[in-house]
């Protein structure tokens, strides 16, 4: 079991719970993953701080509150979105379907320090292909996604509904997001929950860097 403990008592509590559930060591190793006590954060503010003074590639969000906060902090911002450029002229905007792999493979990759994927990978058919392609930037990657284990999702499920955007193809949790980033060649450096209590919050954010070959 992947676990981070703050005290001996916490370890003993976990062992007692494992015994109560009668789980085998083999099952624990494959299926059970400790959820850490990561902090609750302001998603937009964390992303803004990560972009402060940096050259930024912002994917899937060429307008709105997140883009405005990024633009207010960054040295330079490049955008790629399936929508055309907003009415206000944006000199570094490219209309691009991030779910069309041939389009993504031909995508220009500016020299940047940070790539932001804010609430976008859960829309994609093949998010791993995009993440692997973005390693060419050799930049920090900031990813935010809805939380599969949120309290809101659970409440709606109990009523017989799945409260999810019509275009979403996946739910992510702490573990599955880390696995995806690791498989695509990244090392997660920082992590936090936003909009709600840790573990059951509305979403999660991670900051990662590309691993060396």
N, C-alpha and C. Protein backbone atom coordinates (compact mmCIF):
# COMPACT_ATOMS: atom_id res chain seq x y z
N UNK A 1 0.84 -1.19 0.00
CA UNK A 1 0.00 0.00 0.00
C UNK A 1 0.87 1.24 0.00
N UNK A 2 0.59 2.20 -0.90
CA UNK A 2 1.31 3.46 -0.92
C UNK A 2 0.78 4.33 0.21
N UNK A 3 1.62 4.70 1.17
CA UNK A 3 1.12 5.43 2.32
C UNK A 3 2.14 6.41 2.84
N UNK A 4 1.63 7.52 3.40
CA UNK A 4 2.46 8.49 4.09
C UNK A 4 1.83 8.71 5.45
N UNK A 5 2.55 8.42 6.53
CA UNK A 5 1.99 8.48 7.87
C UNK A 5 2.67 9.59 8.68
N UNK A 6 1.87 10.21 9.53
CA UNK A 6 2.40 11.28 10.38
C UNK A 6 2.72 10.80 11.79
N UNK A 7 2.27 9.58 12.15
CA UNK A 7 2.51 9.09 13.51
C UNK A 7 2.37 7.57 13.55
N UNK A 8 2.89 6.99 14.63
CA UNK A 8 2.75 5.55 14.85
C UNK A 8 1.28 5.18 15.03
N UNK A 9 0.53 6.06 15.68
CA UNK A 9 -0.90 5.80 15.90
C UNK A 9 -1.65 5.67 14.57
N UNK A 10 -1.26 6.49 13.59
CA UNK A 10 -1.92 6.43 12.28
C UNK A 10 -1.66 5.08 11.61
N UNK A 11 -0.42 4.58 11.75
CA UNK A 11 -0.09 3.26 11.18
C UNK A 11 -0.92 2.18 11.87
N UNK A 12 -1.01 2.24 13.20
CA UNK A 12 -1.76 1.25 13.95
C UNK A 12 -3.24 1.28 13.58
N UNK A 13 -3.77 2.49 13.35
CA UNK A 13 -5.18 2.61 12.94
C UNK A 13 -5.41 1.94 11.60
N UNK A 14 -4.48 2.13 10.67
CA UNK A 14 -4.62 1.51 9.36
C UNK A 14 -4.55 -0.01 9.45
N UNK A 15 -3.63 -0.51 10.26
CA UNK A 15 -3.49 -1.96 10.42
C UNK A 15 -4.78 -2.55 11.01
N UNK A 16 -5.36 -1.86 12.00
CA UNK A 16 -6.60 -2.33 12.61
C UNK A 16 -7.73 -2.36 11.58
N UNK A 17 -7.78 -1.34 10.71
CA UNK A 17 -8.83 -1.29 9.69
C UNK A 17 -8.65 -2.40 8.66
N UNK A 18 -7.41 -2.67 8.29
CA UNK A 18 -7.12 -3.75 7.34
C UNK A 18 -7.57 -5.09 7.90
N UNK A 19 -7.28 -5.31 9.19
CA UNK A 19 -7.69 -6.56 9.82
C UNK A 19 -9.21 -6.66 9.88
N UNK A 20 -9.88 -5.55 10.18
CA UNK A 20 -11.34 -5.56 10.25
C UNK A 20 -11.96 -5.92 8.91
N UNK A 21 -11.37 -5.40 7.83
CA UNK A 21 -11.90 -5.66 6.50
C UNK A 21 -11.44 -7.00 5.93
N UNK A 22 -10.50 -7.64 6.63
CA UNK A 22 -9.98 -8.95 6.20
C UNK A 22 -9.40 -8.88 4.78
N UNK A 23 -8.54 -7.90 4.54
CA UNK A 23 -7.93 -7.72 3.23
C UNK A 23 -6.56 -8.39 3.20
N UNK A 24 -6.29 -9.09 2.12
CA UNK A 24 -5.00 -9.77 2.00
C UNK A 24 -3.92 -8.77 1.62
N UNK A 25 -2.65 -9.08 1.93
CA UNK A 25 -1.55 -8.19 1.51
C UNK A 25 -1.51 -8.00 0.00
N UNK A 26 -1.85 -9.06 -0.76
CA UNK A 26 -1.84 -8.96 -2.21
C UNK A 26 -2.90 -7.97 -2.70
N UNK A 27 -4.08 -8.05 -2.09
CA UNK A 27 -5.15 -7.11 -2.46
C UNK A 27 -4.75 -5.69 -2.10
N UNK A 28 -4.18 -5.52 -0.92
CA UNK A 28 -3.77 -4.19 -0.48
C UNK A 28 -2.76 -3.57 -1.44
N UNK A 29 -1.81 -4.39 -1.89
CA UNK A 29 -0.75 -3.88 -2.77
C UNK A 29 -1.30 -3.43 -4.11
N UNK A 30 -2.34 -4.11 -4.59
CA UNK A 30 -2.89 -3.80 -5.91
C UNK A 30 -3.97 -2.73 -5.87
N UNK A 31 -4.77 -2.74 -4.82
CA UNK A 31 -6.02 -1.98 -4.86
C UNK A 31 -6.10 -0.78 -3.90
N UNK A 32 -5.41 -0.81 -2.79
CA UNK A 32 -5.60 0.20 -1.75
C UNK A 32 -4.46 1.21 -1.77
N UNK A 33 -4.80 2.49 -1.88
CA UNK A 33 -3.80 3.54 -2.00
C UNK A 33 -4.13 4.66 -1.02
N UNK A 34 -3.24 4.92 -0.12
CA UNK A 34 -3.46 5.94 0.90
C UNK A 34 -3.62 7.32 0.26
N UNK A 35 -4.67 8.04 0.66
CA UNK A 35 -4.89 9.40 0.17
C UNK A 35 -4.21 10.36 1.14
N UNK A 36 -3.30 11.20 0.67
CA UNK A 36 -2.51 12.04 1.58
C UNK A 36 -3.30 13.23 2.12
N UNK A 37 -2.77 13.82 3.17
CA UNK A 37 -3.34 15.03 3.75
C UNK A 37 -2.80 16.25 3.02
N UNK A 38 -3.04 16.34 1.73
CA UNK A 38 -2.60 17.50 0.96
C UNK A 38 -3.49 18.69 1.32
N UNK A 39 -2.98 19.91 1.17
CA UNK A 39 -3.73 21.09 1.60
C UNK A 39 -4.87 21.46 0.65
N UNK A 40 -5.86 22.18 1.17
CA UNK A 40 -6.87 22.79 0.34
C UNK A 40 -6.30 24.08 -0.25
N UNK A 41 -6.59 24.36 -1.51
CA UNK A 41 -5.96 25.50 -2.18
C UNK A 41 -7.00 26.28 -2.99
N UNK A 42 -6.62 27.47 -3.39
CA UNK A 42 -7.36 28.27 -4.37
C UNK A 42 -6.77 27.92 -5.73
N UNK A 43 -7.52 27.18 -6.54
CA UNK A 43 -7.00 26.65 -7.80
C UNK A 43 -6.43 27.75 -8.70
N UNK A 44 -7.21 28.79 -8.93
CA UNK A 44 -6.78 29.83 -9.86
C UNK A 44 -5.55 30.56 -9.31
N UNK A 45 -5.53 30.80 -8.01
CA UNK A 45 -4.39 31.52 -7.43
C UNK A 45 -3.12 30.68 -7.50
N UNK A 46 -3.22 29.39 -7.25
CA UNK A 46 -2.04 28.51 -7.34
C UNK A 46 -1.50 28.50 -8.76
N UNK A 47 -2.38 28.42 -9.75
CA UNK A 47 -1.95 28.42 -11.14
C UNK A 47 -1.33 29.77 -11.49
N UNK A 48 -1.94 30.85 -11.02
CA UNK A 48 -1.40 32.19 -11.29
C UNK A 48 0.01 32.32 -10.72
N UNK A 49 0.21 31.86 -9.51
CA UNK A 49 1.54 31.96 -8.88
C UNK A 49 2.56 31.11 -9.65
N UNK A 50 2.14 29.94 -10.15
CA UNK A 50 3.05 29.09 -10.92
C UNK A 50 3.47 29.77 -12.22
N UNK A 51 2.63 30.69 -12.71
CA UNK A 51 2.89 31.37 -13.98
C UNK A 51 3.55 32.73 -13.81
N UNK A 52 3.72 33.18 -12.60
CA UNK A 52 4.22 34.54 -12.36
C UNK A 52 5.60 34.74 -12.99
N UNK A 53 5.69 35.73 -13.88
CA UNK A 53 6.95 36.08 -14.52
C UNK A 53 7.45 35.06 -15.53
N UNK A 54 6.62 34.06 -15.87
CA UNK A 54 7.06 32.97 -16.74
C UNK A 54 6.45 33.11 -18.16
N UNK A 55 7.05 32.39 -19.08
CA UNK A 55 6.46 32.21 -20.41
C UNK A 55 5.55 31.00 -20.32
N UNK A 56 4.27 31.16 -20.70
CA UNK A 56 3.26 30.16 -20.40
C UNK A 56 2.54 29.72 -21.67
N UNK A 57 2.32 28.41 -21.80
CA UNK A 57 1.45 27.85 -22.82
C UNK A 57 0.18 27.40 -22.11
N UNK A 58 -0.94 28.06 -22.41
CA UNK A 58 -2.22 27.77 -21.77
C UNK A 58 -3.10 27.03 -22.76
N UNK A 59 -3.40 25.76 -22.46
CA UNK A 59 -4.12 24.91 -23.40
C UNK A 59 -5.58 24.74 -22.99
N UNK A 60 -6.47 24.96 -23.94
CA UNK A 60 -7.88 24.71 -23.73
C UNK A 60 -8.63 25.80 -23.02
N UNK A 61 -8.02 26.96 -22.83
CA UNK A 61 -8.68 28.03 -22.07
C UNK A 61 -8.13 29.37 -22.51
N UNK A 62 -8.62 29.87 -23.64
CA UNK A 62 -8.09 31.12 -24.19
C UNK A 62 -8.88 32.35 -23.72
N UNK A 63 -9.83 32.15 -22.83
CA UNK A 63 -10.60 33.27 -22.30
C UNK A 63 -11.12 32.87 -20.92
N UNK A 64 -11.77 33.82 -20.24
CA UNK A 64 -12.35 33.51 -18.93
C UNK A 64 -11.43 33.87 -17.78
N UNK A 65 -11.90 33.59 -16.56
CA UNK A 65 -11.20 34.03 -15.34
C UNK A 65 -9.81 33.45 -15.22
N UNK A 66 -9.65 32.14 -15.52
CA UNK A 66 -8.33 31.52 -15.39
C UNK A 66 -7.34 32.16 -16.34
N UNK A 67 -7.73 32.33 -17.59
CA UNK A 67 -6.81 32.94 -18.56
C UNK A 67 -6.45 34.37 -18.16
N UNK A 68 -7.43 35.12 -17.68
CA UNK A 68 -7.16 36.50 -17.27
C UNK A 68 -6.15 36.55 -16.13
N UNK A 69 -6.28 35.64 -15.17
CA UNK A 69 -5.34 35.63 -14.04
C UNK A 69 -3.95 35.19 -14.49
N UNK A 70 -3.89 34.24 -15.40
CA UNK A 70 -2.59 33.83 -15.94
C UNK A 70 -1.93 34.99 -16.67
N UNK A 71 -2.71 35.65 -17.53
CA UNK A 71 -2.17 36.76 -18.32
C UNK A 71 -1.71 37.91 -17.44
N UNK A 72 -2.36 38.11 -16.30
CA UNK A 72 -1.98 39.20 -15.41
C UNK A 72 -0.66 38.95 -14.71
N UNK A 73 -0.24 37.68 -14.63
CA UNK A 73 0.97 37.34 -13.88
C UNK A 73 2.13 36.94 -14.78
N UNK A 74 1.84 36.37 -15.94
CA UNK A 74 2.89 35.81 -16.79
C UNK A 74 3.64 36.87 -17.57
N UNK A 75 4.87 36.52 -17.96
CA UNK A 75 5.65 37.41 -18.82
C UNK A 75 5.11 37.38 -20.24
N UNK A 76 4.71 36.19 -20.69
CA UNK A 76 4.18 36.02 -22.03
C UNK A 76 3.28 34.79 -22.03
N UNK A 77 2.15 34.86 -22.76
CA UNK A 77 1.19 33.76 -22.78
C UNK A 77 0.90 33.34 -24.21
N UNK A 78 1.01 32.03 -24.47
CA UNK A 78 0.59 31.42 -25.72
C UNK A 78 -0.64 30.57 -25.42
N UNK A 79 -1.58 30.50 -26.37
CA UNK A 79 -2.81 29.76 -26.15
C UNK A 79 -3.09 28.83 -27.31
N UNK A 80 -3.68 27.69 -27.01
CA UNK A 80 -4.23 26.81 -28.03
C UNK A 80 -5.59 26.34 -27.51
N UNK A 81 -6.62 26.51 -28.34
CA UNK A 81 -7.98 26.21 -27.93
C UNK A 81 -8.76 25.78 -29.16
N UNK A 82 -9.81 24.97 -28.95
CA UNK A 82 -10.63 24.58 -30.09
C UNK A 82 -11.50 25.73 -30.58
N UNK A 83 -11.66 26.76 -29.72
CA UNK A 83 -12.43 27.93 -30.11
C UNK A 83 -11.55 28.93 -30.85
N UNK A 84 -12.14 29.76 -31.73
CA UNK A 84 -11.36 30.81 -32.38
C UNK A 84 -10.89 31.84 -31.36
N UNK A 85 -9.93 32.67 -31.75
CA UNK A 85 -9.41 33.68 -30.85
C UNK A 85 -10.54 34.58 -30.35
N UNK A 86 -10.50 34.98 -29.07
CA UNK A 86 -11.53 35.88 -28.56
C UNK A 86 -11.51 37.21 -29.30
N UNK A 87 -12.56 38.00 -29.10
CA UNK A 87 -12.70 39.26 -29.83
C UNK A 87 -11.50 40.16 -29.62
N UNK A 88 -11.03 40.23 -28.36
CA UNK A 88 -9.83 41.02 -28.12
C UNK A 88 -8.65 40.31 -28.78
N UNK A 89 -7.85 41.04 -29.51
CA UNK A 89 -6.77 40.44 -30.29
C UNK A 89 -5.77 39.76 -29.38
N UNK A 90 -5.44 38.52 -29.72
CA UNK A 90 -4.44 37.77 -28.95
C UNK A 90 -3.35 37.34 -29.93
N UNK A 91 -2.17 37.92 -29.84
CA UNK A 91 -1.13 37.67 -30.85
C UNK A 91 -0.58 36.25 -30.83
N UNK A 92 -0.78 35.52 -29.73
CA UNK A 92 -0.20 34.18 -29.63
C UNK A 92 -1.27 33.11 -29.45
N UNK A 93 -2.36 33.23 -30.19
CA UNK A 93 -3.46 32.26 -30.09
C UNK A 93 -3.48 31.37 -31.32
N UNK A 94 -3.65 30.05 -31.08
CA UNK A 94 -3.80 29.12 -32.18
C UNK A 94 -5.05 28.29 -31.96
N UNK A 95 -5.93 28.24 -32.96
CA UNK A 95 -7.11 27.39 -32.87
C UNK A 95 -6.68 25.96 -33.17
N UNK A 96 -6.96 25.05 -32.25
CA UNK A 96 -6.43 23.70 -32.34
C UNK A 96 -7.33 22.73 -31.59
N UNK A 97 -7.61 21.60 -32.19
CA UNK A 97 -8.38 20.55 -31.53
C UNK A 97 -7.41 19.64 -30.79
N UNK A 98 -7.35 19.77 -29.48
CA UNK A 98 -6.39 19.00 -28.69
C UNK A 98 -6.70 17.50 -28.68
N UNK A 99 -7.89 17.11 -29.15
CA UNK A 99 -8.24 15.71 -29.20
C UNK A 99 -8.04 15.11 -30.59
N UNK A 100 -7.56 15.91 -31.52
CA UNK A 100 -7.22 15.42 -32.86
C UNK A 100 -5.71 15.21 -32.88
N UNK A 101 -5.29 13.92 -32.83
CA UNK A 101 -3.87 13.64 -32.62
C UNK A 101 -2.99 14.14 -33.76
N UNK A 102 -3.46 14.07 -34.98
CA UNK A 102 -2.66 14.56 -36.09
C UNK A 102 -2.46 16.08 -35.97
N UNK A 103 -3.48 16.75 -35.53
CA UNK A 103 -3.39 18.20 -35.31
C UNK A 103 -2.40 18.50 -34.18
N UNK A 104 -2.49 17.71 -33.11
CA UNK A 104 -1.60 17.92 -31.96
C UNK A 104 -0.16 17.63 -32.32
N UNK A 105 0.08 16.59 -33.10
CA UNK A 105 1.45 16.24 -33.48
C UNK A 105 2.11 17.36 -34.28
N UNK A 106 1.27 18.07 -35.06
CA UNK A 106 1.80 19.17 -35.87
C UNK A 106 1.82 20.49 -35.10
N UNK A 107 1.38 20.44 -33.84
CA UNK A 107 1.25 21.66 -33.04
C UNK A 107 2.61 22.30 -32.79
N UNK A 108 2.61 23.60 -32.97
CA UNK A 108 3.82 24.35 -32.65
C UNK A 108 4.00 24.34 -31.14
N UNK A 109 5.20 24.18 -30.67
CA UNK A 109 5.46 24.20 -29.23
C UNK A 109 6.43 25.35 -28.94
N UNK A 110 5.90 26.47 -28.47
CA UNK A 110 6.77 27.61 -28.18
C UNK A 110 7.71 27.29 -27.03
N UNK A 111 8.76 28.05 -26.93
CA UNK A 111 9.69 27.89 -25.81
C UNK A 111 9.06 28.53 -24.58
N UNK A 112 8.62 27.70 -23.64
CA UNK A 112 7.92 28.20 -22.46
C UNK A 112 8.49 27.57 -21.20
N UNK A 113 8.11 28.16 -20.06
CA UNK A 113 8.53 27.66 -18.76
C UNK A 113 7.45 26.81 -18.10
N UNK A 114 6.18 27.10 -18.42
CA UNK A 114 5.04 26.43 -17.78
C UNK A 114 3.99 26.11 -18.83
N UNK A 115 3.42 24.91 -18.74
CA UNK A 115 2.26 24.53 -19.55
C UNK A 115 1.08 24.33 -18.60
N UNK A 116 -0.04 24.99 -18.88
CA UNK A 116 -1.23 24.88 -18.04
C UNK A 116 -2.29 24.06 -18.76
N UNK A 117 -2.77 23.01 -18.10
CA UNK A 117 -3.88 22.19 -18.58
C UNK A 117 -4.97 22.27 -17.52
N UNK A 118 -5.76 23.33 -17.57
CA UNK A 118 -6.78 23.59 -16.56
C UNK A 118 -8.13 23.02 -16.96
N UNK A 119 -8.54 21.94 -16.31
CA UNK A 119 -9.83 21.31 -16.57
C UNK A 119 -9.97 20.94 -18.05
N UNK A 120 -8.95 20.26 -18.59
CA UNK A 120 -8.98 19.91 -20.01
C UNK A 120 -8.76 18.42 -20.28
N UNK A 121 -7.88 17.75 -19.53
CA UNK A 121 -7.55 16.37 -19.91
C UNK A 121 -8.74 15.42 -19.74
N UNK A 122 -9.68 15.78 -18.85
CA UNK A 122 -10.86 14.92 -18.67
C UNK A 122 -11.81 15.00 -19.87
N UNK A 123 -11.57 15.93 -20.80
CA UNK A 123 -12.36 16.03 -22.02
C UNK A 123 -11.79 15.19 -23.16
N UNK A 124 -10.55 14.74 -23.02
CA UNK A 124 -9.83 14.17 -24.15
C UNK A 124 -10.00 12.65 -24.26
N UNK A 125 -9.92 12.16 -25.49
CA UNK A 125 -9.96 10.73 -25.73
C UNK A 125 -8.63 10.08 -25.38
N UNK A 126 -7.53 10.78 -25.69
CA UNK A 126 -6.19 10.24 -25.43
C UNK A 126 -5.31 11.28 -24.73
N UNK A 127 -5.59 11.55 -23.46
CA UNK A 127 -4.80 12.57 -22.75
C UNK A 127 -3.32 12.24 -22.66
N UNK A 128 -3.00 10.94 -22.58
CA UNK A 128 -1.60 10.54 -22.46
C UNK A 128 -0.78 10.95 -23.66
N UNK A 129 -1.37 10.91 -24.86
CA UNK A 129 -0.64 11.31 -26.06
C UNK A 129 -0.27 12.79 -26.00
N UNK A 130 -1.21 13.61 -25.55
CA UNK A 130 -0.93 15.04 -25.44
C UNK A 130 0.15 15.29 -24.40
N UNK A 131 0.05 14.66 -23.23
CA UNK A 131 1.04 14.86 -22.17
C UNK A 131 2.43 14.42 -22.63
N UNK A 132 2.53 13.30 -23.32
CA UNK A 132 3.83 12.85 -23.81
C UNK A 132 4.39 13.84 -24.83
N UNK A 133 3.55 14.35 -25.70
CA UNK A 133 3.98 15.33 -26.71
C UNK A 133 4.51 16.60 -26.03
N UNK A 134 3.85 17.00 -24.94
CA UNK A 134 4.23 18.25 -24.27
C UNK A 134 5.57 18.15 -23.55
N UNK A 135 6.09 16.94 -23.37
CA UNK A 135 7.41 16.81 -22.73
C UNK A 135 8.49 17.51 -23.54
N UNK A 136 8.24 17.71 -24.84
CA UNK A 136 9.20 18.41 -25.68
C UNK A 136 9.44 19.84 -25.20
N UNK A 137 8.47 20.40 -24.50
CA UNK A 137 8.62 21.78 -23.99
C UNK A 137 9.67 21.85 -22.88
N UNK A 138 9.91 20.70 -22.21
CA UNK A 138 10.82 20.67 -21.06
C UNK A 138 10.41 21.73 -20.04
N UNK A 139 9.11 21.84 -19.80
CA UNK A 139 8.56 22.86 -18.92
C UNK A 139 7.82 22.20 -17.77
N UNK A 140 7.56 22.98 -16.71
CA UNK A 140 6.67 22.50 -15.66
C UNK A 140 5.25 22.41 -16.23
N UNK A 141 4.51 21.40 -15.80
CA UNK A 141 3.13 21.22 -16.26
C UNK A 141 2.21 21.34 -15.05
N UNK A 142 1.17 22.17 -15.19
CA UNK A 142 0.17 22.33 -14.14
C UNK A 142 -1.14 21.75 -14.65
N UNK A 143 -1.66 20.74 -13.96
CA UNK A 143 -2.88 20.05 -14.38
C UNK A 143 -3.93 20.18 -13.28
N UNK A 144 -5.14 20.59 -13.66
CA UNK A 144 -6.25 20.56 -12.70
C UNK A 144 -7.39 19.76 -13.31
N UNK A 145 -8.06 18.97 -12.47
CA UNK A 145 -9.15 18.08 -12.93
C UNK A 145 -10.21 17.99 -11.84
N UNK A 146 -11.45 17.67 -12.22
CA UNK A 146 -12.46 17.35 -11.21
C UNK A 146 -12.08 16.07 -10.45
N UNK A 147 -12.53 15.99 -9.21
CA UNK A 147 -12.20 14.87 -8.34
C UNK A 147 -13.28 13.80 -8.42
N UNK A 148 -12.90 12.59 -8.81
CA UNK A 148 -13.86 11.48 -8.91
C UNK A 148 -14.50 11.16 -7.58
N UNK A 149 -13.80 11.48 -6.47
CA UNK A 149 -14.28 11.10 -5.14
C UNK A 149 -14.84 12.29 -4.38
N UNK A 150 -15.32 13.29 -5.10
CA UNK A 150 -15.84 14.48 -4.43
C UNK A 150 -17.14 14.18 -3.69
N UNK A 151 -17.40 14.97 -2.65
CA UNK A 151 -18.64 14.80 -1.89
C UNK A 151 -19.85 15.07 -2.78
N UNK A 152 -19.73 16.06 -3.67
CA UNK A 152 -20.83 16.37 -4.57
C UNK A 152 -21.16 15.22 -5.50
N UNK A 153 -20.13 14.57 -6.06
CA UNK A 153 -20.35 13.43 -6.95
C UNK A 153 -21.04 12.29 -6.21
N UNK A 154 -20.62 12.08 -4.97
CA UNK A 154 -21.23 10.99 -4.18
C UNK A 154 -22.69 11.28 -3.87
N UNK A 155 -23.00 12.55 -3.51
CA UNK A 155 -24.39 12.90 -3.19
C UNK A 155 -25.31 12.66 -4.39
N UNK A 156 -24.87 13.08 -5.58
CA UNK A 156 -25.69 12.89 -6.77
C UNK A 156 -25.82 11.42 -7.12
N UNK A 157 -24.74 10.65 -6.94
CA UNK A 157 -24.79 9.22 -7.24
C UNK A 157 -25.82 8.52 -6.35
N UNK A 158 -25.91 8.93 -5.09
CA UNK A 158 -26.89 8.34 -4.18
C UNK A 158 -28.32 8.62 -4.63
N UNK A 159 -28.50 9.68 -5.42
CA UNK A 159 -29.82 10.02 -5.95
C UNK A 159 -30.07 9.41 -7.33
N UNK A 160 -29.07 8.68 -7.84
CA UNK A 160 -29.23 8.03 -9.12
C UNK A 160 -28.75 8.84 -10.30
N UNK A 161 -27.91 9.85 -10.05
CA UNK A 161 -27.40 10.71 -11.12
C UNK A 161 -25.89 10.76 -11.08
N UNK A 162 -25.30 10.89 -12.27
CA UNK A 162 -23.87 11.19 -12.37
C UNK A 162 -23.74 12.64 -12.80
N UNK A 163 -23.25 13.48 -11.91
CA UNK A 163 -23.13 14.91 -12.16
C UNK A 163 -21.80 15.17 -12.87
N UNK A 164 -21.82 15.10 -14.20
CA UNK A 164 -20.59 15.20 -14.97
C UNK A 164 -20.88 15.92 -16.28
N UNK A 165 -19.91 16.71 -16.75
CA UNK A 165 -20.06 17.44 -18.00
C UNK A 165 -20.29 16.47 -19.16
N UNK A 166 -21.13 16.84 -20.09
CA UNK A 166 -21.51 15.96 -21.20
C UNK A 166 -20.32 15.54 -22.06
N UNK A 167 -19.21 16.35 -22.05
CA UNK A 167 -18.05 16.04 -22.89
C UNK A 167 -16.95 15.26 -22.16
N UNK A 168 -17.12 15.01 -20.87
CA UNK A 168 -16.05 14.34 -20.13
C UNK A 168 -15.95 12.86 -20.49
N UNK A 169 -14.74 12.38 -20.58
CA UNK A 169 -14.49 10.97 -20.89
C UNK A 169 -13.92 10.20 -19.70
N UNK A 170 -13.55 10.89 -18.62
CA UNK A 170 -12.89 10.21 -17.50
C UNK A 170 -13.07 11.00 -16.22
N UNK A 171 -13.02 10.28 -15.11
CA UNK A 171 -12.90 10.87 -13.78
C UNK A 171 -11.48 10.59 -13.28
N UNK A 172 -10.90 11.54 -12.57
CA UNK A 172 -9.56 11.34 -11.99
C UNK A 172 -9.62 11.43 -10.47
N UNK A 173 -8.77 10.63 -9.85
CA UNK A 173 -8.58 10.66 -8.41
C UNK A 173 -7.11 11.00 -8.13
N UNK A 174 -6.78 11.10 -6.86
CA UNK A 174 -5.37 11.34 -6.49
C UNK A 174 -4.47 10.29 -7.13
N UNK A 175 -4.84 9.02 -6.99
CA UNK A 175 -3.97 7.94 -7.48
C UNK A 175 -3.93 7.90 -9.00
N UNK A 176 -5.10 7.93 -9.66
CA UNK A 176 -5.09 7.77 -11.11
C UNK A 176 -4.41 8.94 -11.82
N UNK A 177 -4.53 10.16 -11.27
CA UNK A 177 -3.83 11.29 -11.88
C UNK A 177 -2.32 11.11 -11.76
N UNK A 178 -1.85 10.65 -10.60
CA UNK A 178 -0.42 10.41 -10.43
C UNK A 178 0.09 9.32 -11.36
N UNK A 179 -0.70 8.25 -11.51
CA UNK A 179 -0.29 7.17 -12.42
C UNK A 179 -0.18 7.67 -13.84
N UNK A 180 -1.16 8.46 -14.28
CA UNK A 180 -1.12 9.01 -15.64
C UNK A 180 0.12 9.87 -15.84
N UNK A 181 0.42 10.75 -14.90
CA UNK A 181 1.58 11.63 -15.04
C UNK A 181 2.87 10.82 -15.06
N UNK A 182 2.96 9.81 -14.20
CA UNK A 182 4.16 8.96 -14.15
C UNK A 182 4.35 8.21 -15.47
N UNK A 183 3.28 7.63 -15.99
CA UNK A 183 3.39 6.86 -17.23
C UNK A 183 3.78 7.74 -18.42
N UNK A 184 3.41 9.00 -18.35
CA UNK A 184 3.73 9.92 -19.44
C UNK A 184 5.07 10.61 -19.26
N UNK A 185 5.83 10.19 -18.25
CA UNK A 185 7.19 10.67 -18.09
C UNK A 185 7.36 11.89 -17.22
N UNK A 186 6.42 12.09 -16.26
CA UNK A 186 6.50 13.25 -15.37
C UNK A 186 6.69 12.82 -13.92
N UNK A 187 7.23 13.72 -13.15
CA UNK A 187 7.37 13.55 -11.71
C UNK A 187 6.51 14.61 -11.02
N UNK A 188 5.54 14.19 -10.22
CA UNK A 188 4.66 15.14 -9.53
C UNK A 188 5.43 15.79 -8.38
N UNK A 189 5.47 17.12 -8.39
CA UNK A 189 6.22 17.88 -7.39
C UNK A 189 5.32 18.43 -6.29
N UNK A 190 4.09 18.77 -6.64
CA UNK A 190 3.19 19.39 -5.67
C UNK A 190 1.76 19.01 -6.02
N UNK A 191 0.91 19.04 -4.99
CA UNK A 191 -0.45 18.57 -5.17
C UNK A 191 -1.36 19.24 -4.15
N UNK A 192 -2.60 19.54 -4.55
CA UNK A 192 -3.55 20.11 -3.61
C UNK A 192 -4.98 19.90 -4.06
N UNK A 193 -5.92 20.11 -3.12
CA UNK A 193 -7.36 19.97 -3.39
C UNK A 193 -7.97 21.36 -3.49
N UNK A 194 -9.00 21.53 -4.34
CA UNK A 194 -9.67 22.83 -4.39
C UNK A 194 -11.18 22.68 -4.30
N UNK A 195 -11.80 23.73 -3.75
CA UNK A 195 -13.27 23.80 -3.59
C UNK A 195 -13.80 22.65 -2.73
N UNK A 196 -13.50 22.73 -1.43
CA UNK A 196 -14.02 21.73 -0.51
C UNK A 196 -12.95 21.17 0.40
N UNK A 197 -13.34 20.21 1.20
CA UNK A 197 -12.44 19.58 2.14
C UNK A 197 -11.48 18.64 1.40
N UNK A 198 -10.23 18.54 1.88
CA UNK A 198 -9.30 17.58 1.27
C UNK A 198 -9.94 16.19 1.14
N UNK A 199 -9.57 15.51 0.10
CA UNK A 199 -10.05 14.16 -0.26
C UNK A 199 -11.42 14.18 -0.93
N UNK A 200 -12.38 14.95 -0.38
CA UNK A 200 -13.72 14.98 -0.98
C UNK A 200 -14.00 16.31 -1.67
N UNK A 201 -12.95 17.07 -1.96
CA UNK A 201 -13.10 18.38 -2.61
C UNK A 201 -13.58 18.21 -4.05
N UNK A 202 -13.97 19.33 -4.64
CA UNK A 202 -14.48 19.29 -6.01
C UNK A 202 -13.42 18.88 -7.03
N UNK A 203 -12.17 19.29 -6.79
CA UNK A 203 -11.14 18.98 -7.78
C UNK A 203 -9.76 18.91 -7.19
N UNK A 204 -8.78 18.59 -8.02
CA UNK A 204 -7.40 18.49 -7.58
C UNK A 204 -6.45 19.08 -8.61
N UNK A 205 -5.32 19.56 -8.11
CA UNK A 205 -4.29 20.20 -8.95
C UNK A 205 -2.96 19.55 -8.68
N UNK A 206 -2.19 19.31 -9.73
CA UNK A 206 -0.81 18.86 -9.53
C UNK A 206 0.14 19.68 -10.40
N UNK A 207 1.33 19.88 -9.89
CA UNK A 207 2.42 20.51 -10.63
C UNK A 207 3.48 19.46 -10.82
N UNK A 208 3.92 19.26 -12.07
CA UNK A 208 4.85 18.18 -12.37
C UNK A 208 5.96 18.68 -13.30
N UNK A 209 7.05 17.92 -13.33
CA UNK A 209 8.15 18.20 -14.26
C UNK A 209 8.48 16.96 -15.04
N UNK A 210 9.00 17.15 -16.24
CA UNK A 210 9.39 16.01 -17.06
C UNK A 210 10.60 15.33 -16.47
N UNK A 211 10.59 14.00 -16.43
CA UNK A 211 11.74 13.25 -15.93
C UNK A 211 12.84 13.27 -16.98
N UNK A 212 14.06 13.18 -16.52
CA UNK A 212 15.17 13.04 -17.45
C UNK A 212 15.15 11.67 -18.09
N UNK A 213 15.67 11.58 -19.32
CA UNK A 213 15.71 10.29 -20.02
C UNK A 213 16.75 9.36 -19.39
